[in-house]
Amino acid sequence: MSQRTVPFSVRVSQEDAEFIAALEVPDASTPSDKLRAIIADARTRAESDKDFVGCWRILRELTGPAMVRLRELEYAERMHSELLRQAIECAEGLLAFVVAELDDEIKDAAKHLTQVEAGAADRVFTLIEMMLRLGTTKESKCFDPQVVSSRLGPVMELTKIISASK
C-alpha cells in the first residue's frame, strides 16, 4: 500500500532558501527532497530520545564529525589522545542515559530520581577511574604526555582527605 502524499507549501527567507539549496543531504537533490529528509530526521530524533540507544545515536551524530576530524588530525600529526577519546565517549553515555531516563513516563519520581542519580554517578566515576588510569605512568597516551599527571596533585589531596575522614 503506497502512502498518500499531501501537497505542502511554505515560504522561507532568502537566507533559508540558500541554506537548503547548499545543504548536502544524501539521496536528496531538490528542495522538496531535502525538506522530506529534514522532516524524516526530525521525526527520528523525536522518537529516538525515549531510549538510551536512540539518545546515544543522536549524540553520536552531533559528535561524529568532530571525532572524525580529531582522528584525521591525529593521523596526520602521528599523535593520539586517549583522554579526549575517553572523555567524549563517557560524556555521550552520561547524557544519553540522563535524557533517556528522564522521559515523560515516570511513576515513582523520588525512587526514579535516586536511580538516575546512581546511574549518573556510575558513569562519572567510570570517567574518573579512566583518567586516573591514564595517570598511572609519568607519560600518558595524550598529546601532552603530562596532561594527566600534572593535574593529579589536587585529586590525590582530596582522596587523602576523604580517606582520613572515613
N, C-alpha and C. Protein backbone atom coordinates (compact mmCIF):
# COMPACT_ATOMS: atom_id res chain seq x y z
N MET A 1 0.84 -1.17 0.00
CA MET A 1 0.00 0.00 0.00
C MET A 1 0.89 1.24 0.00
N SER A 2 0.68 2.14 -0.96
CA SER A 2 1.51 3.34 -1.05
C SER A 2 0.96 4.41 -0.12
N GLN A 3 1.89 5.22 0.38
CA GLN A 3 1.47 6.30 1.26
C GLN A 3 0.94 7.45 0.42
N ARG A 4 -0.14 7.99 0.86
CA ARG A 4 -0.72 9.13 0.18
C ARG A 4 0.06 10.37 0.59
N THR A 5 0.44 11.20 -0.36
CA THR A 5 1.17 12.42 -0.04
C THR A 5 0.22 13.61 -0.08
N VAL A 6 0.58 14.62 0.66
CA VAL A 6 -0.22 15.83 0.77
C VAL A 6 0.63 17.00 0.32
N PRO A 7 0.13 17.82 -0.60
CA PRO A 7 0.90 19.00 -1.01
C PRO A 7 1.10 19.92 0.19
N PHE A 8 2.27 20.49 0.27
CA PHE A 8 2.61 21.34 1.41
C PHE A 8 3.43 22.50 0.88
N SER A 9 2.93 23.68 1.04
CA SER A 9 3.62 24.87 0.52
C SER A 9 4.11 25.70 1.69
N VAL A 10 5.30 26.25 1.55
CA VAL A 10 5.86 27.05 2.62
C VAL A 10 6.71 28.17 2.01
N ARG A 11 6.69 29.31 2.65
CA ARG A 11 7.54 30.42 2.24
C ARG A 11 8.69 30.50 3.23
N VAL A 12 9.88 30.67 2.71
CA VAL A 12 11.06 30.80 3.56
C VAL A 12 11.83 32.04 3.15
N SER A 13 12.68 32.51 4.04
CA SER A 13 13.51 33.67 3.73
C SER A 13 14.53 33.31 2.66
N GLN A 14 15.09 34.32 2.03
CA GLN A 14 16.13 34.08 1.02
C GLN A 14 17.31 33.33 1.64
N GLU A 15 17.65 33.71 2.86
CA GLU A 15 18.76 33.06 3.56
C GLU A 15 18.48 31.57 3.78
N ASP A 16 17.26 31.23 4.20
CA ASP A 16 16.89 29.83 4.40
C ASP A 16 16.86 29.07 3.08
N ALA A 17 16.39 29.72 2.01
CA ALA A 17 16.37 29.08 0.69
C ALA A 17 17.79 28.77 0.22
N GLU A 18 18.70 29.70 0.44
CA GLU A 18 20.11 29.47 0.08
C GLU A 18 20.71 28.35 0.92
N PHE A 19 20.34 28.33 2.19
CA PHE A 19 20.84 27.27 3.08
C PHE A 19 20.38 25.90 2.58
N ILE A 20 19.08 25.77 2.28
CA ILE A 20 18.53 24.49 1.81
C ILE A 20 19.16 24.10 0.47
N ALA A 21 19.36 25.07 -0.40
CA ALA A 21 19.97 24.78 -1.70
C ALA A 21 21.39 24.24 -1.53
N ALA A 22 22.14 24.78 -0.56
CA ALA A 22 23.53 24.36 -0.35
C ALA A 22 23.64 23.13 0.56
N LEU A 23 22.57 22.79 1.26
CA LEU A 23 22.60 21.68 2.22
C LEU A 23 22.86 20.36 1.51
N GLU A 24 23.82 19.62 2.01
CA GLU A 24 24.14 18.29 1.47
C GLU A 24 23.30 17.26 2.23
N VAL A 25 22.36 16.65 1.54
CA VAL A 25 21.51 15.61 2.14
C VAL A 25 21.60 14.38 1.24
N PRO A 26 22.05 13.24 1.80
CA PRO A 26 22.15 12.03 0.97
C PRO A 26 20.82 11.69 0.28
N ASP A 27 20.90 11.37 -0.99
CA ASP A 27 19.74 10.96 -1.79
C ASP A 27 18.66 12.04 -1.88
N ALA A 28 19.04 13.29 -1.73
CA ALA A 28 18.08 14.38 -1.86
C ALA A 28 18.75 15.54 -2.59
N SER A 29 18.20 15.87 -3.74
CA SER A 29 18.80 16.96 -4.52
C SER A 29 17.89 18.17 -4.63
N THR A 30 16.60 17.96 -4.67
CA THR A 30 15.67 19.08 -4.82
C THR A 30 15.28 19.62 -3.44
N PRO A 31 14.81 20.86 -3.39
CA PRO A 31 14.34 21.39 -2.09
C PRO A 31 13.24 20.52 -1.48
N SER A 32 12.36 19.98 -2.29
CA SER A 32 11.29 19.10 -1.76
C SER A 32 11.88 17.84 -1.14
N ASP A 33 12.85 17.22 -1.85
CA ASP A 33 13.52 16.02 -1.31
C ASP A 33 14.21 16.34 0.01
N LYS A 34 14.88 17.49 0.05
CA LYS A 34 15.59 17.88 1.26
C LYS A 34 14.64 18.14 2.42
N LEU A 35 13.51 18.79 2.12
CA LEU A 35 12.52 19.04 3.16
C LEU A 35 11.96 17.73 3.72
N ARG A 36 11.69 16.78 2.83
CA ARG A 36 11.21 15.46 3.28
C ARG A 36 12.27 14.79 4.17
N ALA A 37 13.54 14.91 3.79
CA ALA A 37 14.62 14.32 4.59
C ALA A 37 14.74 15.01 5.95
N ILE A 38 14.59 16.33 5.96
CA ILE A 38 14.65 17.08 7.22
C ILE A 38 13.51 16.66 8.14
N ILE A 39 12.31 16.51 7.59
CA ILE A 39 11.15 16.07 8.38
C ILE A 39 11.37 14.65 8.91
N ALA A 40 11.88 13.76 8.06
CA ALA A 40 12.15 12.39 8.50
C ALA A 40 13.19 12.37 9.62
N ASP A 41 14.21 13.21 9.50
CA ASP A 41 15.25 13.30 10.53
C ASP A 41 14.65 13.83 11.84
N ALA A 42 13.82 14.85 11.74
CA ALA A 42 13.18 15.41 12.95
C ALA A 42 12.28 14.37 13.61
N ARG A 43 11.55 13.60 12.81
CA ARG A 43 10.69 12.55 13.36
C ARG A 43 11.53 11.49 14.07
N THR A 44 12.61 11.07 13.44
CA THR A 44 13.50 10.07 14.03
C THR A 44 14.06 10.57 15.36
N ARG A 45 14.49 11.82 15.39
CA ARG A 45 15.02 12.40 16.63
C ARG A 45 13.94 12.45 17.72
N ALA A 46 12.75 12.86 17.36
CA ALA A 46 11.67 12.96 18.34
C ALA A 46 11.30 11.60 18.91
N GLU A 47 11.38 10.57 18.09
CA GLU A 47 11.03 9.22 18.55
C GLU A 47 12.20 8.51 19.21
N SER A 48 13.43 8.96 18.94
CA SER A 48 14.62 8.27 19.45
C SER A 48 15.02 8.69 20.85
N ASP A 49 14.54 9.84 21.31
CA ASP A 49 15.01 10.30 22.61
C ASP A 49 14.31 9.60 23.78
N LYS A 50 13.58 8.55 23.49
CA LYS A 50 12.87 7.81 24.54
C LYS A 50 13.69 6.66 25.11
N ASP A 51 14.75 6.25 24.41
CA ASP A 51 15.55 5.14 24.91
C ASP A 51 17.04 5.49 24.81
N PHE A 52 17.84 4.78 25.58
CA PHE A 52 19.27 5.06 25.65
C PHE A 52 19.95 4.99 24.29
N VAL A 53 19.72 3.94 23.55
CA VAL A 53 20.40 3.76 22.26
C VAL A 53 20.02 4.87 21.30
N GLY A 54 18.75 5.25 21.27
CA GLY A 54 18.32 6.34 20.40
C GLY A 54 18.99 7.65 20.78
N CYS A 55 19.03 7.94 22.07
CA CYS A 55 19.70 9.16 22.54
C CYS A 55 21.18 9.13 22.20
N TRP A 56 21.80 7.98 22.43
CA TRP A 56 23.23 7.83 22.15
C TRP A 56 23.51 8.06 20.66
N ARG A 57 22.64 7.53 19.80
CA ARG A 57 22.82 7.73 18.36
C ARG A 57 22.75 9.20 17.98
N ILE A 58 21.80 9.92 18.57
CA ILE A 58 21.68 11.36 18.30
C ILE A 58 22.95 12.08 18.73
N LEU A 59 23.45 11.75 19.91
CA LEU A 59 24.68 12.39 20.38
C LEU A 59 25.87 12.02 19.50
N ARG A 60 25.91 10.77 19.05
CA ARG A 60 26.97 10.35 18.13
C ARG A 60 26.93 11.13 16.83
N GLU A 61 25.71 11.43 16.35
CA GLU A 61 25.59 12.24 15.14
C GLU A 61 26.16 13.63 15.36
N LEU A 62 25.94 14.18 16.56
CA LEU A 62 26.45 15.51 16.87
C LEU A 62 27.97 15.52 17.04
N THR A 63 28.50 14.51 17.72
CA THR A 63 29.94 14.49 17.98
C THR A 63 30.73 13.81 16.88
N GLY A 64 30.04 13.04 16.03
CA GLY A 64 30.72 12.28 14.99
C GLY A 64 31.65 13.09 14.11
N PRO A 65 31.19 14.20 13.53
CA PRO A 65 32.09 14.97 12.67
C PRO A 65 33.33 15.48 13.41
N ALA A 66 33.18 15.88 14.66
CA ALA A 66 34.34 16.33 15.44
C ALA A 66 35.29 15.16 15.70
N MET A 67 34.72 13.99 15.99
CA MET A 67 35.57 12.81 16.23
C MET A 67 36.31 12.41 14.96
N VAL A 68 35.65 12.48 13.82
CA VAL A 68 36.31 12.16 12.55
C VAL A 68 37.45 13.14 12.31
N ARG A 69 37.16 14.43 12.53
CA ARG A 69 38.20 15.45 12.33
C ARG A 69 39.36 15.23 13.30
N LEU A 70 39.05 14.88 14.55
CA LEU A 70 40.09 14.59 15.53
C LEU A 70 40.97 13.45 15.04
N ARG A 71 40.33 12.37 14.57
CA ARG A 71 41.10 11.22 14.07
C ARG A 71 41.96 11.59 12.87
N GLU A 72 41.42 12.43 11.98
CA GLU A 72 42.20 12.88 10.82
C GLU A 72 43.43 13.65 11.26
N LEU A 73 43.24 14.56 12.21
CA LEU A 73 44.38 15.36 12.71
C LEU A 73 45.38 14.48 13.46
N GLU A 74 44.86 13.55 14.25
CA GLU A 74 45.76 12.63 14.96
C GLU A 74 46.60 11.84 13.96
N TYR A 75 45.97 11.34 12.94
CA TYR A 75 46.68 10.56 11.93
C TYR A 75 47.73 11.41 11.22
N ALA A 76 47.33 12.61 10.82
CA ALA A 76 48.25 13.49 10.09
C ALA A 76 49.46 13.87 10.95
N GLU A 77 49.23 14.08 12.23
CA GLU A 77 50.30 14.52 13.12
C GLU A 77 50.98 13.35 13.84
N ARG A 78 50.49 12.14 13.60
CA ARG A 78 51.01 10.95 14.28
C ARG A 78 50.97 11.13 15.80
N MET A 79 49.78 11.59 16.26
CA MET A 79 49.54 11.82 17.68
C MET A 79 48.23 11.12 18.05
N HIS A 80 48.02 10.94 19.36
CA HIS A 80 46.78 10.33 19.82
C HIS A 80 46.48 10.85 21.22
N SER A 81 45.20 11.09 21.50
CA SER A 81 44.78 11.50 22.83
C SER A 81 43.75 10.52 23.37
N GLU A 82 44.20 9.68 24.26
CA GLU A 82 43.29 8.75 24.93
C GLU A 82 42.34 9.53 25.83
N LEU A 83 42.80 10.64 26.39
CA LEU A 83 41.96 11.45 27.26
C LEU A 83 40.75 11.98 26.50
N LEU A 84 40.96 12.56 25.32
CA LEU A 84 39.83 13.09 24.55
C LEU A 84 38.86 11.98 24.15
N ARG A 85 39.38 10.86 23.68
CA ARG A 85 38.51 9.77 23.26
C ARG A 85 37.64 9.28 24.42
N GLN A 86 38.26 9.02 25.55
CA GLN A 86 37.51 8.52 26.70
C GLN A 86 36.54 9.55 27.26
N ALA A 87 36.96 10.80 27.32
CA ALA A 87 36.09 11.85 27.86
C ALA A 87 34.85 12.03 26.99
N ILE A 88 35.03 12.05 25.68
CA ILE A 88 33.89 12.23 24.77
C ILE A 88 32.95 11.04 24.84
N GLU A 89 33.49 9.82 24.83
CA GLU A 89 32.65 8.64 24.90
C GLU A 89 31.86 8.59 26.21
N CYS A 90 32.51 8.92 27.32
CA CYS A 90 31.81 8.91 28.60
C CYS A 90 30.74 10.00 28.65
N ALA A 91 31.04 11.17 28.10
CA ALA A 91 30.06 12.26 28.08
C ALA A 91 28.84 11.87 27.27
N GLU A 92 29.06 11.23 26.12
CA GLU A 92 27.93 10.77 25.30
C GLU A 92 27.06 9.79 26.09
N GLY A 93 27.70 8.83 26.74
CA GLY A 93 26.96 7.83 27.50
C GLY A 93 26.20 8.43 28.67
N LEU A 94 26.81 9.36 29.37
CA LEU A 94 26.16 10.01 30.51
C LEU A 94 24.94 10.81 30.04
N LEU A 95 25.11 11.62 29.02
CA LEU A 95 24.00 12.43 28.54
C LEU A 95 22.87 11.57 27.97
N ALA A 96 23.21 10.54 27.21
CA ALA A 96 22.19 9.64 26.66
C ALA A 96 21.41 8.97 27.79
N PHE A 97 22.11 8.54 28.82
CA PHE A 97 21.47 7.89 29.96
C PHE A 97 20.47 8.84 30.63
N VAL A 98 20.92 10.06 30.95
CA VAL A 98 20.05 11.00 31.66
C VAL A 98 18.84 11.38 30.82
N VAL A 99 19.05 11.70 29.55
CA VAL A 99 17.92 12.08 28.68
C VAL A 99 16.92 10.94 28.56
N ALA A 100 17.41 9.74 28.34
CA ALA A 100 16.51 8.58 28.18
C ALA A 100 15.77 8.26 29.47
N GLU A 101 16.43 8.41 30.60
CA GLU A 101 15.81 8.06 31.87
C GLU A 101 14.80 9.10 32.35
N LEU A 102 14.94 10.33 31.90
CA LEU A 102 14.02 11.37 32.34
C LEU A 102 12.94 11.62 31.30
N ASP A 103 12.33 10.54 30.86
CA ASP A 103 11.24 10.65 29.89
C ASP A 103 9.95 11.05 30.61
N ASP A 104 8.88 11.08 29.88
CA ASP A 104 7.60 11.54 30.43
C ASP A 104 6.89 10.51 31.30
N GLU A 105 7.27 9.26 31.24
CA GLU A 105 6.53 8.20 31.91
C GLU A 105 7.21 7.77 33.21
N ILE A 106 7.24 8.66 34.19
CA ILE A 106 7.86 8.37 35.48
C ILE A 106 6.74 8.20 36.51
N LYS A 107 6.69 7.01 37.13
CA LYS A 107 5.62 6.73 38.09
C LYS A 107 6.00 7.16 39.50
N ASP A 108 7.07 6.62 40.05
CA ASP A 108 7.53 6.98 41.40
C ASP A 108 8.74 7.89 41.24
N ALA A 109 8.50 9.20 41.18
CA ALA A 109 9.56 10.17 40.85
C ALA A 109 10.74 10.11 41.82
N ALA A 110 10.48 10.05 43.11
CA ALA A 110 11.56 10.06 44.09
C ALA A 110 12.48 8.85 43.90
N LYS A 111 11.89 7.69 43.74
CA LYS A 111 12.69 6.47 43.53
C LYS A 111 13.44 6.55 42.20
N HIS A 112 12.76 7.03 41.17
CA HIS A 112 13.37 7.12 39.84
C HIS A 112 14.55 8.09 39.84
N LEU A 113 14.37 9.25 40.49
CA LEU A 113 15.45 10.23 40.55
C LEU A 113 16.67 9.67 41.27
N THR A 114 16.44 8.89 42.31
CA THR A 114 17.55 8.25 43.04
C THR A 114 18.29 7.28 42.12
N GLN A 115 17.54 6.54 41.32
CA GLN A 115 18.16 5.59 40.38
C GLN A 115 18.92 6.33 39.28
N VAL A 116 18.38 7.42 38.79
CA VAL A 116 19.06 8.20 37.75
C VAL A 116 20.35 8.79 38.31
N GLU A 117 20.27 9.29 39.51
CA GLU A 117 21.46 9.84 40.16
C GLU A 117 22.54 8.77 40.30
N ALA A 118 22.16 7.58 40.73
CA ALA A 118 23.12 6.49 40.90
C ALA A 118 23.72 6.09 39.55
N GLY A 119 22.90 6.02 38.51
CA GLY A 119 23.41 5.69 37.18
C GLY A 119 24.36 6.75 36.66
N ALA A 120 24.04 8.02 36.91
CA ALA A 120 24.93 9.11 36.51
C ALA A 120 26.24 9.03 37.28
N ALA A 121 26.15 8.75 38.58
CA ALA A 121 27.36 8.62 39.40
C ALA A 121 28.24 7.48 38.87
N ASP A 122 27.63 6.35 38.50
CA ASP A 122 28.40 5.24 37.93
C ASP A 122 29.20 5.71 36.72
N ARG A 123 28.57 6.48 35.86
CA ARG A 123 29.22 6.92 34.63
C ARG A 123 30.30 7.97 34.91
N VAL A 124 30.03 8.88 35.84
CA VAL A 124 31.02 9.90 36.19
C VAL A 124 32.25 9.25 36.83
N PHE A 125 32.02 8.30 37.74
CA PHE A 125 33.15 7.67 38.40
C PHE A 125 33.91 6.73 37.46
N THR A 126 33.25 6.20 36.46
CA THR A 126 33.97 5.44 35.43
C THR A 126 34.93 6.36 34.71
N LEU A 127 34.50 7.57 34.39
CA LEU A 127 35.38 8.54 33.74
C LEU A 127 36.54 8.90 34.67
N ILE A 128 36.25 9.12 35.94
CA ILE A 128 37.32 9.44 36.90
C ILE A 128 38.34 8.31 36.94
N GLU A 129 37.86 7.07 37.01
CA GLU A 129 38.78 5.93 37.02
C GLU A 129 39.63 5.88 35.75
N MET A 130 39.00 6.14 34.61
CA MET A 130 39.74 6.14 33.35
C MET A 130 40.84 7.20 33.37
N MET A 131 40.52 8.39 33.85
CA MET A 131 41.51 9.46 33.90
C MET A 131 42.64 9.10 34.87
N LEU A 132 42.28 8.50 36.01
CA LEU A 132 43.32 8.10 36.97
C LEU A 132 44.23 7.02 36.38
N ARG A 133 43.65 6.11 35.60
CA ARG A 133 44.47 5.08 34.95
C ARG A 133 45.47 5.72 33.98
N LEU A 134 45.04 6.78 33.31
CA LEU A 134 45.96 7.48 32.41
C LEU A 134 47.12 8.10 33.20
N GLY A 135 46.91 8.35 34.48
CA GLY A 135 47.95 8.95 35.31
C GLY A 135 48.83 7.95 36.03
N THR A 136 48.68 6.66 35.73
CA THR A 136 49.50 5.65 36.43
C THR A 136 50.93 5.62 35.94
N THR A 137 51.19 6.24 34.81
CA THR A 137 52.57 6.36 34.32
C THR A 137 52.91 7.83 34.23
N LYS A 138 54.20 8.14 34.17
CA LYS A 138 54.61 9.55 34.10
C LYS A 138 54.17 10.20 32.80
N GLU A 139 54.05 9.39 31.76
CA GLU A 139 53.64 9.92 30.47
C GLU A 139 52.43 9.14 29.97
N SER A 140 51.33 9.84 29.75
CA SER A 140 50.11 9.19 29.29
C SER A 140 50.01 9.25 27.77
N LYS A 141 49.07 8.47 27.23
CA LYS A 141 48.84 8.44 25.79
C LYS A 141 47.98 9.64 25.39
N CYS A 142 48.55 10.82 25.53
CA CYS A 142 47.85 12.05 25.24
C CYS A 142 48.76 12.95 24.41
N PHE A 143 48.20 13.99 23.82
CA PHE A 143 49.01 14.91 23.04
C PHE A 143 50.14 15.47 23.90
N ASP A 144 49.77 15.89 25.12
CA ASP A 144 50.75 16.34 26.11
C ASP A 144 50.90 15.20 27.10
N PRO A 145 52.05 14.54 27.11
CA PRO A 145 52.22 13.36 27.97
C PRO A 145 52.00 13.62 29.46
N GLN A 146 52.12 14.88 29.89
CA GLN A 146 51.94 15.20 31.30
C GLN A 146 50.56 15.82 31.59
N VAL A 147 49.67 15.82 30.63
CA VAL A 147 48.38 16.48 30.81
C VAL A 147 47.59 15.88 31.98
N VAL A 148 47.73 14.61 32.22
CA VAL A 148 47.02 13.97 33.34
C VAL A 148 47.85 14.08 34.61
N SER A 149 49.11 13.64 34.55
CA SER A 149 49.93 13.61 35.77
C SER A 149 50.11 14.99 36.38
N SER A 150 50.12 16.03 35.58
CA SER A 150 50.29 17.39 36.12
C SER A 150 49.04 17.87 36.85
N ARG A 151 47.94 17.18 36.71
CA ARG A 151 46.69 17.60 37.35
C ARG A 151 46.27 16.66 38.50
N LEU A 152 47.07 15.66 38.78
CA LEU A 152 46.70 14.67 39.79
C LEU A 152 46.88 15.16 41.23
N GLY A 153 47.76 16.13 41.47
CA GLY A 153 48.04 16.60 42.83
C GLY A 153 46.79 16.94 43.63
N PRO A 154 45.94 17.84 43.14
CA PRO A 154 44.73 18.17 43.90
C PRO A 154 43.79 16.98 44.09
N VAL A 155 43.72 16.10 43.10
CA VAL A 155 42.85 14.92 43.22
C VAL A 155 43.39 14.00 44.31
N MET A 156 44.69 13.81 44.34
CA MET A 156 45.30 12.95 45.36
C MET A 156 45.09 13.54 46.76
N GLU A 157 45.20 14.87 46.86
CA GLU A 157 44.95 15.52 48.15
C GLU A 157 43.52 15.27 48.62
N LEU A 158 42.58 15.41 47.70
CA LEU A 158 41.18 15.17 48.06
C LEU A 158 40.96 13.72 48.48
N THR A 159 41.57 12.76 47.79
CA THR A 159 41.39 11.36 48.18
C THR A 159 41.98 11.09 49.56
N LYS A 160 43.10 11.75 49.90
CA LYS A 160 43.68 11.58 51.24
C LYS A 160 42.73 12.14 52.29
N ILE A 161 42.14 13.30 52.03
CA ILE A 161 41.21 13.90 52.98
C ILE A 161 39.99 13.02 53.17
N ILE A 162 39.46 12.50 52.06
CA ILE A 162 38.28 11.62 52.12
C ILE A 162 38.63 10.34 52.87
N SER A 163 39.78 9.75 52.58
CA SER A 163 40.20 8.52 53.28
C SER A 163 40.37 8.77 54.78
N ALA A 164 40.94 9.88 55.14
CA ALA A 164 41.17 10.18 56.56
C ALA A 164 39.85 10.42 57.30
N SER A 165 38.85 10.94 56.61
CA SER A 165 37.57 11.23 57.27
C SER A 165 36.67 10.02 57.40
N LYS A 166 36.99 8.93 56.73
CA LYS A 166 36.13 7.73 56.76
C LYS A 166 36.40 6.93 58.00
